[in-house]
Amino acid sequence: GQRSGQMTATKHTRVQIQRLRRKQRHLPPFERHHSDLFKRVKTSWRKQRGIDSAMRRGYRGYPTMTEVGFGTQKKCRGYHPDGTKHMVVHNVQDLKMLTMQNNTFSATIGHSVGARKRQVIVELANQLKINVTNAKARLRREEAE
């Protein structure tokens, strides 16, 4: 299914990925046309489809539209700024899948996982040397009580 496709090994190290991501050029802010003029038009991107739309026709002085060329490099795609891919983990079995891939993948505990199971997952991840991105979530409340 979905998870088996995620578990592909990469040739690049974490540091190389971070370097590539830093080198990547900054993209223009792809904002919806006229979102700066009207409060009712939100900034979230919508493609221009009008027959006479100057933005769609690419006239000078109009905001840029999204195109294929603005995509992320294949080497960096799917990686987070920390240089790893994140995999959502719901139980101990999911975490054990990452044992051989702890340099390429980081675990992110699913939001529906309760505090008790979360603690077990975090402890096992420390033993297996797997980085957990949200290790401190929901553990703070129990310590305070």
Protein backbone atom coordinates (compact mmCIF):
# COMPACT_ATOMS: atom_id res chain seq x y z
CA GLY A 1 0.00 0.00 0.00
CA GLN A 2 1.03 3.55 0.71
CA ARG A 3 3.70 2.84 3.29
CA SER A 4 5.66 0.32 1.20
CA GLY A 5 6.19 2.98 -1.48
CA GLN A 6 7.61 5.40 1.10
CA MET A 7 10.37 3.08 2.28
CA THR A 8 12.80 3.59 -0.58
CA ALA A 9 16.47 4.08 0.27
CA THR A 10 18.20 7.19 -1.06
CA LYS A 11 21.75 7.80 -2.19
CA HIS A 12 21.93 11.21 -0.55
CA THR A 13 22.87 11.88 3.05
CA ARG A 14 20.92 14.15 5.36
CA VAL A 15 23.52 16.93 5.04
CA GLN A 16 23.45 16.77 1.22
CA ILE A 17 19.67 17.08 1.20
CA GLN A 18 19.81 20.08 3.54
CA ARG A 19 22.41 21.71 1.28
CA LEU A 20 20.29 21.08 -1.82
CA ARG A 21 17.21 22.53 -0.12
CA ARG A 22 19.14 25.67 0.86
CA LYS A 23 20.43 26.10 -2.69
CA GLN A 24 16.91 25.85 -4.10
CA ARG A 25 15.70 29.19 -5.41
CA HIS A 26 12.89 30.97 -3.64
CA LEU A 27 9.53 30.70 -5.35
CA PRO A 28 7.29 33.68 -6.01
CA PRO A 29 4.27 33.92 -3.73
CA PHE A 30 1.60 32.21 -5.82
CA GLU A 31 -1.40 34.22 -4.70
CA ARG A 32 -4.84 34.40 -6.22
CA HIS A 33 -5.37 37.23 -8.70
CA HIS A 34 -7.09 40.28 -7.15
CA SER A 35 -6.60 38.94 -3.62
CA ASP A 36 -4.74 42.18 -2.90
CA LEU A 37 -7.69 44.28 -4.10
CA PHE A 38 -10.66 42.62 -2.43
CA LYS A 39 -10.97 41.39 1.13
CA ARG A 40 -13.51 38.78 0.02
CA VAL A 41 -10.96 37.17 -2.35
CA LYS A 42 -8.63 35.03 -0.24
CA THR A 43 -4.94 34.57 -1.12
CA SER A 44 -5.12 30.78 -1.69
CA TRP A 45 -4.14 29.92 -5.26
CA ARG A 46 -6.77 29.55 -7.96
CA LYS A 47 -5.88 29.20 -11.63
CA GLN A 48 -7.06 31.98 -13.93
CA ARG A 49 -9.49 30.62 -16.52
CA GLY A 50 -10.90 33.77 -18.09
CA ILE A 51 -10.77 34.08 -21.86
CA ASP A 52 -9.25 37.59 -21.69
CA SER A 53 -7.37 37.27 -18.38
CA ALA A 54 -4.11 39.20 -18.61
CA MET A 55 -2.61 37.11 -15.83
CA ARG A 56 -3.43 33.85 -17.60
CA ARG A 57 -1.99 35.19 -20.83
CA GLY A 58 1.23 36.05 -19.00
CA TYR A 59 1.36 39.79 -19.59
CA ARG A 60 4.20 41.75 -18.07
CA GLY A 61 3.50 43.24 -14.66
CA TYR A 62 1.05 40.56 -13.61
CA PRO A 63 1.76 37.95 -10.92
CA THR A 64 3.36 34.69 -12.06
CA MET A 65 1.24 31.59 -12.41
CA THR A 66 2.27 28.15 -11.21
CA GLU A 67 4.03 26.03 -13.83
CA VAL A 68 5.80 22.69 -14.00
CA GLY A 69 9.21 24.39 -13.94
CA PHE A 70 8.64 25.68 -10.41
CA GLY A 71 8.62 22.13 -8.96
CA THR A 72 11.05 20.81 -6.36
CA GLN A 73 14.16 18.91 -7.44
CA LYS A 74 13.62 15.15 -7.49
CA LYS A 75 16.47 14.65 -5.01
CA CYS A 76 14.81 16.94 -2.45
CA ARG A 77 11.19 16.02 -3.02
CA GLY A 78 9.41 14.77 0.08
CA TYR A 79 12.23 15.74 2.44
CA HIS A 80 11.72 18.11 5.35
CA PRO A 81 14.18 20.88 6.27
CA ASP A 82 15.76 18.57 8.87
CA GLY A 83 16.97 16.36 5.99
CA THR A 84 14.70 13.36 6.64
CA LYS A 85 11.42 12.05 5.31
CA HIS A 86 8.66 11.90 7.90
CA MET A 87 6.52 8.80 8.36
CA VAL A 88 3.37 8.83 10.48
CA VAL A 89 3.48 6.15 13.18
CA HIS A 90 0.42 4.85 15.03
CA ASN A 91 1.88 1.91 16.96
CA VAL A 92 5.06 0.03 17.85
CA GLN A 93 4.91 -2.14 14.70
CA ASP A 94 4.95 0.96 12.49
CA LEU A 95 7.96 2.24 14.41
CA LYS A 96 9.87 -1.02 13.98
CA MET A 97 9.59 -0.59 10.20
CA LEU A 98 11.96 2.38 10.51
CA THR A 99 14.76 0.56 12.38
CA MET A 100 17.00 0.08 9.34
CA GLN A 101 16.08 3.49 7.89
CA ASN A 102 16.64 5.71 10.94
CA ASN A 103 19.01 8.01 9.00
CA THR A 104 16.57 8.64 6.16
CA PHE A 105 13.25 8.63 8.03
CA SER A 106 11.91 10.37 11.12
CA ALA A 107 8.82 9.17 12.93
CA THR A 108 5.86 11.44 13.50
CA ILE A 109 3.35 10.08 15.98
CA GLY A 110 -0.20 10.19 14.61
CA HIS A 111 -2.52 12.73 16.16
CA SER A 112 -5.08 10.11 17.22
CA VAL A 113 -2.54 8.22 19.39
CA GLY A 114 -3.17 8.60 23.12
CA ALA A 115 -0.67 9.69 25.76
CA ARG A 116 0.02 6.19 27.15
CA LYS A 117 0.84 4.59 23.80
CA ARG A 118 2.73 7.74 22.80
CA GLN A 119 5.06 7.30 25.79
CA VAL A 120 5.77 3.67 24.82
CA ILE A 121 6.54 4.70 21.23
CA VAL A 122 8.90 7.49 22.33
CA GLU A 123 10.81 5.20 24.71
CA LEU A 124 11.25 2.52 22.03
CA ALA A 125 12.31 5.16 19.48
CA ASN A 126 15.06 6.33 21.86
CA GLN A 127 16.32 2.75 22.18
CA LEU A 128 16.27 2.22 18.41
CA LYS A 129 17.82 5.68 17.80
CA ILE A 130 14.90 6.84 15.67
CA ASN A 131 14.18 10.56 15.65
CA VAL A 132 10.61 11.44 16.67
CA THR A 133 9.51 14.86 15.45
CA ASN A 134 6.68 15.37 17.96
CA ALA A 135 8.08 13.42 20.92
CA LYS A 136 7.09 16.02 23.51
CA ALA A 137 3.44 16.25 22.43
CA ARG A 138 0.89 15.19 25.05
CA LEU A 139 3.63 14.16 27.48
CA ARG A 140 3.80 17.62 29.03
CA ARG A 141 0.31 17.49 30.50
CA GLU A 142 1.00 14.31 32.49
CA GLU A 143 4.22 15.72 33.96
CA ALA A 144 2.39 18.86 35.10
CA GLU A 145 -0.26 16.89 37.02
